[in-house]
């Protein structure tokens, strides 16, 4: 569990990484002695503008310390989310951040193990993959089945693909914090 100080550090690191990326300036987050920020952990960085999604990218696993992974994912969310054009200078005054630090993935065989609001879902079928973070089901007031269906749709699958025996379903939880 990250402290409030660590959360603030990560939010500021993500913000600075995005600003520097948009302005095409190099950015290297400051090393920190805080142990929880030096653990290799997966995370997602979500950018919103006026309450609407502007970019979201993450990794389930990381080969670098969390504080660096957050900076990397923030830059990717601002510039590489295929759903949006890269952020421009004019958008720097009007965005907010949310960071989700992830637990390890856990493969499940029984969808009743999914606790809406606690778990995110990662679905794999063939070459298709889709993920929705725990907070998405709460934001849209989805039940478990709708959450599963929408994760399938995000993966480019039919809504009922979660019921097919060749579909792998993973759950994870996350520590979610925002500006």
N, C-alpha and C. Protein backbone atom coordinates (compact mmCIF):
# COMPACT_ATOMS: atom_id res chain seq x y z
N UNK A 1 0.84 -1.18 0.00
CA UNK A 1 0.00 0.00 0.00
C UNK A 1 0.88 1.24 0.00
N UNK A 2 0.64 2.11 -0.96
CA UNK A 2 1.42 3.33 -1.06
C UNK A 2 0.90 4.38 -0.08
N UNK A 3 1.81 5.16 0.46
CA UNK A 3 1.43 6.26 1.34
C UNK A 3 0.89 7.42 0.51
N UNK A 4 0.25 8.36 1.17
CA UNK A 4 -0.27 9.55 0.48
C UNK A 4 0.89 10.33 -0.16
N UNK A 5 2.02 10.38 0.54
CA UNK A 5 3.20 11.07 0.00
C UNK A 5 3.67 10.39 -1.29
N UNK A 6 3.70 9.07 -1.32
CA UNK A 6 4.10 8.33 -2.52
C UNK A 6 3.11 8.57 -3.66
N UNK A 7 1.82 8.59 -3.34
CA UNK A 7 0.81 8.86 -4.37
C UNK A 7 1.03 10.24 -4.99
N UNK A 8 1.25 11.23 -4.16
CA UNK A 8 1.47 12.60 -4.66
C UNK A 8 2.72 12.65 -5.53
N UNK A 9 3.78 11.96 -5.09
CA UNK A 9 5.02 11.91 -5.86
C UNK A 9 4.76 11.32 -7.25
N UNK A 10 4.00 10.22 -7.31
CA UNK A 10 3.73 9.57 -8.60
C UNK A 10 2.85 10.43 -9.50
N UNK A 11 1.86 11.09 -8.93
CA UNK A 11 1.00 11.97 -9.73
C UNK A 11 1.81 13.13 -10.31
N UNK A 12 2.69 13.71 -9.50
CA UNK A 12 3.52 14.81 -9.99
C UNK A 12 4.53 14.31 -11.04
N UNK A 13 5.08 13.13 -10.83
CA UNK A 13 6.00 12.53 -11.81
C UNK A 13 5.28 12.32 -13.14
N UNK A 14 4.06 11.78 -13.10
CA UNK A 14 3.29 11.56 -14.33
C UNK A 14 3.00 12.88 -15.03
N UNK A 15 2.59 13.88 -14.26
CA UNK A 15 2.28 15.19 -14.86
C UNK A 15 3.51 15.79 -15.53
N UNK A 16 4.65 15.77 -14.84
CA UNK A 16 5.87 16.32 -15.42
C UNK A 16 6.31 15.54 -16.67
N UNK A 17 6.16 14.24 -16.65
CA UNK A 17 6.52 13.41 -17.81
C UNK A 17 5.68 13.80 -19.02
N UNK A 18 4.39 14.03 -18.81
CA UNK A 18 3.50 14.42 -19.91
C UNK A 18 3.86 15.80 -20.43
N UNK A 19 4.04 16.75 -19.54
CA UNK A 19 4.39 18.11 -19.96
C UNK A 19 5.68 18.11 -20.78
N UNK A 20 6.67 17.40 -20.28
CA UNK A 20 7.95 17.34 -21.01
C UNK A 20 7.80 16.64 -22.35
N UNK A 21 6.99 15.60 -22.42
CA UNK A 21 6.76 14.89 -23.68
C UNK A 21 6.11 15.81 -24.71
N UNK A 22 5.04 16.50 -24.30
CA UNK A 22 4.33 17.38 -25.23
C UNK A 22 5.25 18.50 -25.71
N UNK A 23 6.08 19.00 -24.84
CA UNK A 23 7.01 20.09 -25.21
C UNK A 23 8.30 19.57 -25.84
N UNK A 24 8.34 18.28 -26.05
CA UNK A 24 9.49 17.60 -26.67
C UNK A 24 10.80 17.90 -25.93
N UNK A 25 10.69 17.84 -24.60
CA UNK A 25 11.86 18.00 -23.74
C UNK A 25 12.11 16.67 -23.05
N UNK A 26 13.35 16.34 -22.85
CA UNK A 26 13.67 15.10 -22.15
C UNK A 26 13.23 15.17 -20.69
N UNK A 27 12.86 14.02 -20.16
CA UNK A 27 12.46 13.97 -18.75
C UNK A 27 12.93 12.66 -18.16
N UNK A 28 13.56 12.77 -17.02
CA UNK A 28 13.99 11.59 -16.26
C UNK A 28 13.52 11.81 -14.82
N UNK A 29 12.61 10.97 -14.34
CA UNK A 29 12.13 11.19 -12.97
C UNK A 29 13.26 11.09 -11.96
N UNK A 30 13.15 11.90 -10.91
CA UNK A 30 14.15 11.90 -9.86
C UNK A 30 14.13 10.58 -9.09
N UNK A 31 15.26 9.95 -8.90
CA UNK A 31 15.30 8.74 -8.06
C UNK A 31 14.81 9.06 -6.66
N UNK A 32 14.26 8.05 -6.02
CA UNK A 32 13.71 8.24 -4.69
C UNK A 32 14.16 7.11 -3.78
N UNK A 33 14.30 7.40 -2.51
CA UNK A 33 14.68 6.38 -1.55
C UNK A 33 13.47 5.65 -0.97
N UNK A 34 12.26 6.08 -1.35
CA UNK A 34 11.04 5.45 -0.84
C UNK A 34 10.95 4.03 -1.40
N UNK A 35 10.99 3.04 -0.52
CA UNK A 35 11.03 1.63 -0.95
C UNK A 35 9.87 1.26 -1.86
N UNK A 36 8.65 1.67 -1.51
CA UNK A 36 7.48 1.27 -2.29
C UNK A 36 7.52 1.81 -3.72
N UNK A 37 8.26 2.87 -3.97
CA UNK A 37 8.38 3.44 -5.31
C UNK A 37 9.50 2.81 -6.12
N UNK A 38 10.31 1.99 -5.48
CA UNK A 38 11.42 1.33 -6.16
C UNK A 38 11.13 -0.13 -6.46
N UNK A 39 9.93 -0.58 -6.13
CA UNK A 39 9.51 -1.95 -6.45
C UNK A 39 9.05 -1.98 -7.91
N UNK A 40 9.36 -3.05 -8.62
CA UNK A 40 8.88 -3.21 -9.99
C UNK A 40 7.42 -3.65 -9.92
N UNK A 41 6.54 -2.80 -10.41
CA UNK A 41 5.11 -3.08 -10.32
C UNK A 41 4.41 -2.55 -11.56
N UNK A 42 3.37 -3.26 -11.98
CA UNK A 42 2.57 -2.80 -13.10
C UNK A 42 1.70 -1.64 -12.69
N UNK A 43 1.32 -0.82 -13.66
CA UNK A 43 0.46 0.31 -13.39
C UNK A 43 -0.21 0.77 -14.69
N UNK A 44 -1.28 1.51 -14.53
CA UNK A 44 -1.93 2.20 -15.64
C UNK A 44 -2.01 3.67 -15.28
N UNK A 45 -1.82 4.52 -16.28
CA UNK A 45 -2.00 5.96 -16.11
C UNK A 45 -3.15 6.37 -17.03
N UNK A 46 -4.13 7.04 -16.42
CA UNK A 46 -5.31 7.50 -17.15
C UNK A 46 -5.30 9.02 -17.16
N UNK A 47 -5.51 9.58 -18.34
CA UNK A 47 -5.60 11.03 -18.51
C UNK A 47 -7.05 11.36 -18.83
N UNK A 48 -7.58 12.36 -18.14
CA UNK A 48 -8.94 12.82 -18.42
C UNK A 48 -8.93 14.31 -18.69
N UNK A 49 -9.85 14.73 -19.55
CA UNK A 49 -10.08 16.15 -19.80
C UNK A 49 -11.57 16.40 -19.67
N UNK A 50 -11.92 17.36 -18.86
CA UNK A 50 -13.33 17.68 -18.62
C UNK A 50 -14.13 16.43 -18.23
N UNK A 51 -13.52 15.55 -17.44
CA UNK A 51 -14.19 14.35 -16.97
C UNK A 51 -14.27 13.22 -17.98
N UNK A 52 -13.71 13.41 -19.17
CA UNK A 52 -13.76 12.40 -20.23
C UNK A 52 -12.38 11.80 -20.46
N UNK A 53 -12.37 10.52 -20.81
CA UNK A 53 -11.12 9.84 -21.09
C UNK A 53 -10.36 10.54 -22.21
N UNK A 54 -9.05 10.74 -22.00
CA UNK A 54 -8.18 11.36 -23.01
C UNK A 54 -7.03 10.43 -23.39
N UNK A 55 -6.77 9.43 -22.55
CA UNK A 55 -5.72 8.45 -22.82
C UNK A 55 -5.54 7.55 -21.62
N UNK A 56 -5.22 6.30 -21.88
CA UNK A 56 -4.98 5.36 -20.78
C UNK A 56 -4.12 4.22 -21.32
N UNK A 57 -2.96 4.06 -20.71
CA UNK A 57 -2.06 2.98 -21.10
C UNK A 57 -1.36 2.47 -19.84
N UNK A 58 -1.09 1.18 -19.86
CA UNK A 58 -0.40 0.59 -18.73
C UNK A 58 0.23 -0.74 -19.07
N UNK A 59 0.86 -1.30 -18.06
CA UNK A 59 1.53 -2.60 -18.14
C UNK A 59 1.15 -3.40 -16.91
N UNK A 60 1.02 -4.70 -17.07
CA UNK A 60 0.75 -5.56 -15.92
C UNK A 60 2.02 -5.87 -15.15
N UNK A 61 3.14 -5.86 -15.84
CA UNK A 61 4.42 -6.13 -15.20
C UNK A 61 5.42 -5.09 -15.65
N UNK A 62 6.41 -4.87 -14.85
CA UNK A 62 7.42 -3.87 -15.18
C UNK A 62 8.80 -4.41 -14.87
N UNK A 63 9.75 -3.97 -15.66
CA UNK A 63 11.15 -4.31 -15.42
C UNK A 63 11.89 -3.12 -14.80
N UNK A 64 11.14 -2.09 -14.47
CA UNK A 64 11.76 -0.90 -13.89
C UNK A 64 10.97 -0.48 -12.63
N UNK A 65 11.59 0.33 -11.79
CA UNK A 65 10.92 0.77 -10.56
C UNK A 65 9.61 1.49 -10.88
N UNK A 66 8.67 1.41 -9.95
CA UNK A 66 7.34 1.99 -10.14
C UNK A 66 7.41 3.46 -10.55
N UNK A 67 8.25 4.26 -9.93
CA UNK A 67 8.28 5.68 -10.26
C UNK A 67 8.68 5.91 -11.71
N UNK A 68 9.54 5.06 -12.26
CA UNK A 68 9.91 5.17 -13.68
C UNK A 68 8.80 4.62 -14.58
N UNK A 69 8.17 3.53 -14.15
CA UNK A 69 7.09 2.93 -14.93
C UNK A 69 5.93 3.92 -15.07
N UNK A 70 5.61 4.63 -14.00
CA UNK A 70 4.54 5.63 -14.06
C UNK A 70 4.89 6.70 -15.09
N UNK A 71 6.12 7.19 -15.10
CA UNK A 71 6.53 8.20 -16.09
C UNK A 71 6.41 7.64 -17.50
N UNK A 72 6.86 6.41 -17.71
CA UNK A 72 6.79 5.78 -19.04
C UNK A 72 5.34 5.63 -19.49
N UNK A 73 4.46 5.17 -18.61
CA UNK A 73 3.06 4.96 -18.97
C UNK A 73 2.33 6.30 -19.16
N UNK A 74 2.72 7.33 -18.42
CA UNK A 74 2.12 8.65 -18.59
C UNK A 74 2.43 9.19 -19.99
N UNK A 75 3.68 9.07 -20.40
CA UNK A 75 4.08 9.52 -21.73
C UNK A 75 3.33 8.72 -22.80
N UNK A 76 3.21 7.41 -22.60
CA UNK A 76 2.50 6.58 -23.57
C UNK A 76 1.02 6.95 -23.64
N UNK A 77 0.40 7.21 -22.48
CA UNK A 77 -1.02 7.58 -22.47
C UNK A 77 -1.25 8.91 -23.19
N UNK A 78 -0.29 9.81 -23.10
CA UNK A 78 -0.41 11.12 -23.74
C UNK A 78 -0.09 11.09 -25.22
N UNK A 79 0.67 10.11 -25.66
CA UNK A 79 1.16 10.16 -27.04
C UNK A 79 0.93 8.89 -27.87
N UNK A 80 0.56 7.77 -27.23
CA UNK A 80 0.49 6.52 -27.99
C UNK A 80 -0.82 5.77 -27.88
N UNK A 81 -1.81 6.30 -27.15
CA UNK A 81 -3.09 5.62 -27.07
C UNK A 81 -3.73 5.72 -28.46
N UNK A 82 -3.97 4.58 -29.13
CA UNK A 82 -4.46 4.62 -30.51
C UNK A 82 -5.86 5.22 -30.66
N UNK A 83 -6.56 5.39 -29.57
CA UNK A 83 -7.91 5.97 -29.63
C UNK A 83 -7.91 7.49 -29.75
N UNK A 84 -6.73 8.11 -29.51
CA UNK A 84 -6.66 9.56 -29.47
C UNK A 84 -5.40 10.06 -30.18
N UNK A 85 -5.46 11.29 -30.72
CA UNK A 85 -4.21 11.86 -31.24
C UNK A 85 -3.30 12.23 -30.07
N UNK A 86 -2.01 12.38 -30.31
CA UNK A 86 -1.11 12.79 -29.23
C UNK A 86 -1.58 14.14 -28.64
N UNK A 87 -1.38 14.29 -27.33
CA UNK A 87 -1.75 15.55 -26.67
C UNK A 87 -0.93 16.69 -27.24
N UNK A 88 -1.57 17.86 -27.31
CA UNK A 88 -0.89 19.06 -27.78
C UNK A 88 -0.69 20.05 -26.66
N UNK A 89 0.12 21.04 -26.93
CA UNK A 89 0.45 22.09 -25.95
C UNK A 89 -0.82 22.74 -25.37
N UNK A 90 -1.82 22.93 -26.21
CA UNK A 90 -3.06 23.58 -25.77
C UNK A 90 -3.83 22.76 -24.74
N UNK A 91 -3.51 21.49 -24.59
CA UNK A 91 -4.21 20.62 -23.64
C UNK A 91 -3.53 20.56 -22.26
N UNK A 92 -2.37 21.15 -22.14
CA UNK A 92 -1.60 21.04 -20.89
C UNK A 92 -2.24 21.78 -19.71
N UNK A 93 -3.12 22.74 -19.99
CA UNK A 93 -3.76 23.48 -18.91
C UNK A 93 -4.99 22.78 -18.38
N UNK A 94 -5.41 21.72 -19.06
CA UNK A 94 -6.73 21.18 -18.77
C UNK A 94 -6.75 19.65 -18.80
N UNK A 95 -6.00 19.03 -17.92
CA UNK A 95 -6.08 17.58 -17.81
C UNK A 95 -5.87 17.15 -16.37
N UNK A 96 -6.43 15.99 -16.05
CA UNK A 96 -6.24 15.42 -14.73
C UNK A 96 -5.75 13.99 -14.88
N UNK A 97 -5.16 13.48 -13.82
CA UNK A 97 -4.54 12.16 -13.86
C UNK A 97 -5.12 11.23 -12.83
N UNK A 98 -5.14 9.96 -13.20
CA UNK A 98 -5.48 8.88 -12.28
C UNK A 98 -4.45 7.79 -12.50
N UNK A 99 -3.95 7.23 -11.43
CA UNK A 99 -2.97 6.16 -11.51
C UNK A 99 -3.54 4.95 -10.79
N UNK A 100 -3.37 3.79 -11.41
CA UNK A 100 -3.77 2.54 -10.80
C UNK A 100 -2.54 1.66 -10.71
N UNK A 101 -2.09 1.38 -9.48
CA UNK A 101 -0.95 0.48 -9.26
C UNK A 101 -1.53 -0.92 -9.06
N UNK A 102 -1.05 -1.86 -9.86
CA UNK A 102 -1.70 -3.16 -9.97
C UNK A 102 -1.11 -4.25 -9.08
N UNK A 103 -2.00 -5.14 -8.69
CA UNK A 103 -1.58 -6.40 -8.07
C UNK A 103 -1.20 -7.34 -9.21
N UNK A 104 -0.56 -8.46 -8.91
CA UNK A 104 -0.29 -9.45 -9.96
C UNK A 104 -1.60 -10.03 -10.51
N UNK A 105 -1.54 -10.46 -11.78
CA UNK A 105 -2.69 -11.11 -12.41
C UNK A 105 -2.97 -12.46 -11.76
N UNK A 106 -4.24 -12.82 -11.69
CA UNK A 106 -4.65 -14.12 -11.17
C UNK A 106 -5.64 -14.74 -12.16
N UNK A 107 -5.26 -15.87 -12.75
CA UNK A 107 -6.15 -16.55 -13.70
C UNK A 107 -7.29 -17.21 -12.92
N UNK A 108 -8.51 -17.04 -13.42
CA UNK A 108 -9.67 -17.63 -12.75
C UNK A 108 -10.42 -18.55 -13.72
N UNK A 109 -11.13 -19.50 -13.16
CA UNK A 109 -11.97 -20.39 -13.97
C UNK A 109 -13.45 -20.19 -13.65
N UNK A 110 -13.73 -19.46 -12.59
CA UNK A 110 -15.10 -19.22 -12.16
C UNK A 110 -15.32 -17.71 -12.06
N UNK A 111 -16.17 -17.17 -12.95
CA UNK A 111 -16.36 -15.72 -12.98
C UNK A 111 -17.04 -15.17 -11.73
N UNK A 112 -17.59 -16.05 -10.89
CA UNK A 112 -18.18 -15.55 -9.64
C UNK A 112 -17.09 -15.03 -8.69
N UNK A 113 -15.83 -15.31 -9.01
CA UNK A 113 -14.71 -14.78 -8.20
C UNK A 113 -14.50 -13.29 -8.44
N UNK A 114 -15.09 -12.75 -9.50
CA UNK A 114 -14.92 -11.33 -9.83
C UNK A 114 -15.77 -10.49 -8.89
N UNK A 115 -15.12 -9.63 -8.14
CA UNK A 115 -15.82 -8.69 -7.27
C UNK A 115 -15.85 -7.33 -7.97
N UNK A 116 -17.02 -6.95 -8.44
CA UNK A 116 -17.16 -5.68 -9.15
C UNK A 116 -16.77 -4.54 -8.22
N UNK A 117 -15.91 -3.67 -8.72
CA UNK A 117 -15.42 -2.55 -7.92
C UNK A 117 -14.09 -2.84 -7.26
N UNK A 118 -13.80 -4.11 -7.07
CA UNK A 118 -12.52 -4.50 -6.48
C UNK A 118 -11.56 -5.00 -7.56
N UNK A 119 -12.08 -5.78 -8.50
CA UNK A 119 -11.24 -6.41 -9.52
C UNK A 119 -11.37 -5.74 -10.88
N UNK A 120 -10.24 -5.72 -11.57
CA UNK A 120 -10.24 -5.43 -12.99
C UNK A 120 -10.22 -6.76 -13.71
N UNK A 121 -10.52 -6.72 -15.02
CA UNK A 121 -10.55 -7.95 -15.81
C UNK A 121 -9.62 -7.82 -17.00
N UNK A 122 -8.90 -8.90 -17.27
CA UNK A 122 -8.05 -9.02 -18.45
C UNK A 122 -8.46 -10.30 -19.15
N UNK A 123 -8.90 -10.17 -20.40
CA UNK A 123 -9.39 -11.32 -21.17
C UNK A 123 -8.47 -11.55 -22.36
N UNK A 124 -8.15 -12.83 -22.59
CA UNK A 124 -7.33 -13.23 -23.74
C UNK A 124 -8.06 -14.35 -24.47
N UNK A 125 -8.24 -14.17 -25.77
CA UNK A 125 -8.76 -15.24 -26.62
C UNK A 125 -8.04 -15.13 -27.94
N UNK A 126 -7.24 -16.17 -28.24
CA UNK A 126 -6.43 -16.12 -29.46
C UNK A 126 -5.47 -14.94 -29.39
N UNK A 127 -5.51 -14.11 -30.44
CA UNK A 127 -4.63 -12.93 -30.48
C UNK A 127 -5.31 -11.69 -29.89
N UNK A 128 -6.55 -11.82 -29.46
CA UNK A 128 -7.27 -10.69 -28.92
C UNK A 128 -7.05 -10.59 -27.42
N UNK A 129 -6.89 -9.34 -26.97
CA UNK A 129 -6.69 -9.06 -25.56
C UNK A 129 -7.44 -7.79 -25.19
N UNK A 130 -8.04 -7.80 -24.02
CA UNK A 130 -8.73 -6.60 -23.56
C UNK A 130 -8.65 -6.49 -22.06
N UNK A 131 -8.58 -5.27 -21.59
CA UNK A 131 -8.49 -5.03 -20.15
C UNK A 131 -9.39 -3.86 -19.78
N UNK A 132 -10.05 -3.99 -18.65
CA UNK A 132 -10.76 -2.87 -18.05
C UNK A 132 -10.38 -2.81 -16.58
N UNK A 133 -10.06 -1.62 -16.12
CA UNK A 133 -9.63 -1.41 -14.74
C UNK A 133 -10.81 -1.54 -13.78
N UNK A 134 -10.53 -1.80 -12.50
CA UNK A 134 -11.60 -2.00 -11.52
C UNK A 134 -12.61 -0.84 -11.47
N UNK A 135 -12.11 0.38 -11.60
CA UNK A 135 -12.97 1.55 -11.45
C UNK A 135 -13.95 1.74 -12.60
N UNK A 136 -13.69 1.11 -13.75
CA UNK A 136 -14.57 1.29 -14.92
C UNK A 136 -15.97 0.76 -14.65
N UNK A 137 -16.07 -0.41 -14.04
CA UNK A 137 -17.39 -0.98 -13.74
C UNK A 137 -18.18 -0.09 -12.80
N UNK A 138 -17.50 0.55 -11.87
CA UNK A 138 -18.17 1.45 -10.93
C UNK A 138 -18.64 2.71 -11.66
N UNK A 139 -17.76 3.28 -12.51
CA UNK A 139 -18.09 4.51 -13.24
C UNK A 139 -19.34 4.34 -14.10
N UNK A 140 -19.52 3.14 -14.67
CA UNK A 140 -20.65 2.89 -15.57
C UNK A 140 -21.78 2.11 -14.90
N UNK A 141 -21.63 1.83 -13.61
CA UNK A 141 -22.64 1.09 -12.85
C UNK A 141 -22.96 -0.26 -13.49
N UNK A 142 -21.92 -1.02 -13.85
CA UNK A 142 -22.08 -2.32 -14.49
C UNK A 142 -22.14 -3.42 -13.44
N UNK A 143 -22.89 -4.46 -13.74
CA UNK A 143 -22.84 -5.69 -12.95
C UNK A 143 -21.72 -6.56 -13.51
N UNK A 144 -21.50 -7.71 -12.92
CA UNK A 144 -20.40 -8.60 -13.32
C UNK A 144 -20.51 -9.00 -14.79
N UNK A 145 -21.69 -9.41 -15.22
CA UNK A 145 -21.85 -9.88 -16.60
C UNK A 145 -21.59 -8.77 -17.62
N UNK A 146 -22.10 -7.58 -17.36
CA UNK A 146 -21.86 -6.45 -18.27
C UNK A 146 -20.38 -6.11 -18.30
N UNK A 147 -19.73 -6.17 -17.15
CA UNK A 147 -18.29 -5.91 -17.06
C UNK A 147 -17.53 -6.92 -17.94
N UNK A 148 -17.88 -8.18 -17.84
CA UNK A 148 -17.25 -9.21 -18.67
C UNK A 148 -17.52 -8.96 -20.15
N UNK A 149 -18.76 -8.63 -20.49
CA UNK A 149 -19.12 -8.37 -21.88
C UNK A 149 -18.33 -7.19 -22.44
N UNK A 150 -18.25 -6.13 -21.66
CA UNK A 150 -17.55 -4.93 -22.13
C UNK A 150 -16.04 -5.15 -22.25
N UNK A 151 -15.49 -6.01 -21.42
CA UNK A 151 -14.07 -6.35 -21.57
C UNK A 151 -13.86 -7.12 -22.86
N UNK A 152 -14.79 -8.00 -23.19
CA UNK A 152 -14.72 -8.74 -24.47
C UNK A 152 -14.79 -7.77 -25.64
N UNK A 153 -15.72 -6.83 -25.59
CA UNK A 153 -15.86 -5.85 -26.66
C UNK A 153 -14.56 -5.05 -26.81
N UNK A 154 -13.96 -4.66 -25.68
CA UNK A 154 -12.69 -3.92 -25.72
C UNK A 154 -11.59 -4.75 -26.39
N UNK A 155 -11.69 -6.08 -26.25
CA UNK A 155 -10.70 -6.98 -26.87
C UNK A 155 -11.01 -7.25 -28.34
N UNK A 156 -12.12 -6.71 -28.84
CA UNK A 156 -12.49 -6.95 -30.23
C UNK A 156 -13.20 -8.29 -30.41
N UNK A 157 -13.79 -8.79 -29.35
CA UNK A 157 -14.48 -10.08 -29.35
C UNK A 157 -15.99 -9.85 -29.26
N UNK A 158 -16.75 -10.91 -29.46
CA UNK A 158 -18.19 -10.82 -29.24
C UNK A 158 -18.44 -10.75 -27.74
N UNK A 159 -19.59 -10.19 -27.36
CA UNK A 159 -19.91 -10.00 -25.94
C UNK A 159 -19.91 -11.28 -25.13
N UNK A 160 -20.23 -12.39 -25.77
CA UNK A 160 -20.32 -13.66 -25.04
C UNK A 160 -19.03 -14.46 -25.04
N UNK A 161 -17.96 -13.90 -25.56
CA UNK A 161 -16.69 -14.64 -25.67
C UNK A 161 -16.14 -15.08 -24.31
N UNK A 162 -16.51 -14.38 -23.25
CA UNK A 162 -16.03 -14.75 -21.92
C UNK A 162 -16.55 -16.12 -21.51
N UNK A 163 -17.60 -16.61 -22.15
CA UNK A 163 -18.18 -17.90 -21.82
C UNK A 163 -17.54 -19.06 -22.59
N UNK A 164 -16.69 -18.75 -23.56
CA UNK A 164 -16.07 -19.79 -24.38
C UNK A 164 -14.92 -20.45 -23.62
N UNK A 165 -14.78 -21.77 -23.73
CA UNK A 165 -13.73 -22.47 -22.97
C UNK A 165 -12.30 -22.08 -23.36
N UNK A 166 -12.11 -21.53 -24.57
CA UNK A 166 -10.75 -21.14 -24.99
C UNK A 166 -10.42 -19.69 -24.65
N UNK A 167 -11.24 -19.07 -23.83
CA UNK A 167 -10.99 -17.70 -23.38
C UNK A 167 -10.38 -17.75 -21.98
N UNK A 168 -9.26 -17.07 -21.81
CA UNK A 168 -8.61 -16.97 -20.50
C UNK A 168 -9.04 -15.68 -19.83
N UNK A 169 -9.45 -15.80 -18.59
CA UNK A 169 -9.89 -14.64 -17.82
C UNK A 169 -8.98 -14.48 -16.60
N UNK A 170 -8.46 -13.28 -16.45
CA UNK A 170 -7.60 -12.94 -15.32
C UNK A 170 -8.25 -11.78 -14.56
N UNK A 171 -8.03 -11.77 -13.26
CA UNK A 171 -8.46 -10.64 -12.44
C UNK A 171 -7.24 -10.02 -11.77
N UNK A 172 -7.41 -8.79 -11.34
CA UNK A 172 -6.38 -8.08 -10.60
C UNK A 172 -7.06 -6.99 -9.81
N UNK A 173 -6.39 -6.49 -8.82
CA UNK A 173 -6.89 -5.35 -8.07
C UNK A 173 -5.88 -4.21 -8.22
N UNK A 174 -6.21 -3.08 -7.69
CA UNK A 174 -5.29 -1.97 -7.83
C UNK A 174 -5.50 -0.92 -6.76
N UNK A 175 -4.45 -0.21 -6.47
CA UNK A 175 -4.55 0.98 -5.62
C UNK A 175 -4.75 2.16 -6.58
N UNK A 176 -5.91 2.78 -6.45
CA UNK A 176 -6.32 3.82 -7.39
C UNK A 176 -6.25 5.17 -6.68
N UNK A 177 -5.59 6.14 -7.32
CA UNK A 177 -5.54 7.48 -6.76
C UNK A 177 -5.48 8.49 -7.89
N UNK A 178 -5.93 9.70 -7.62
CA UNK A 178 -6.01 10.71 -8.66
C UNK A 178 -5.82 12.09 -8.08
N UNK A 179 -5.65 13.03 -9.00
CA UNK A 179 -5.47 14.43 -8.59
C UNK A 179 -6.79 14.98 -8.09
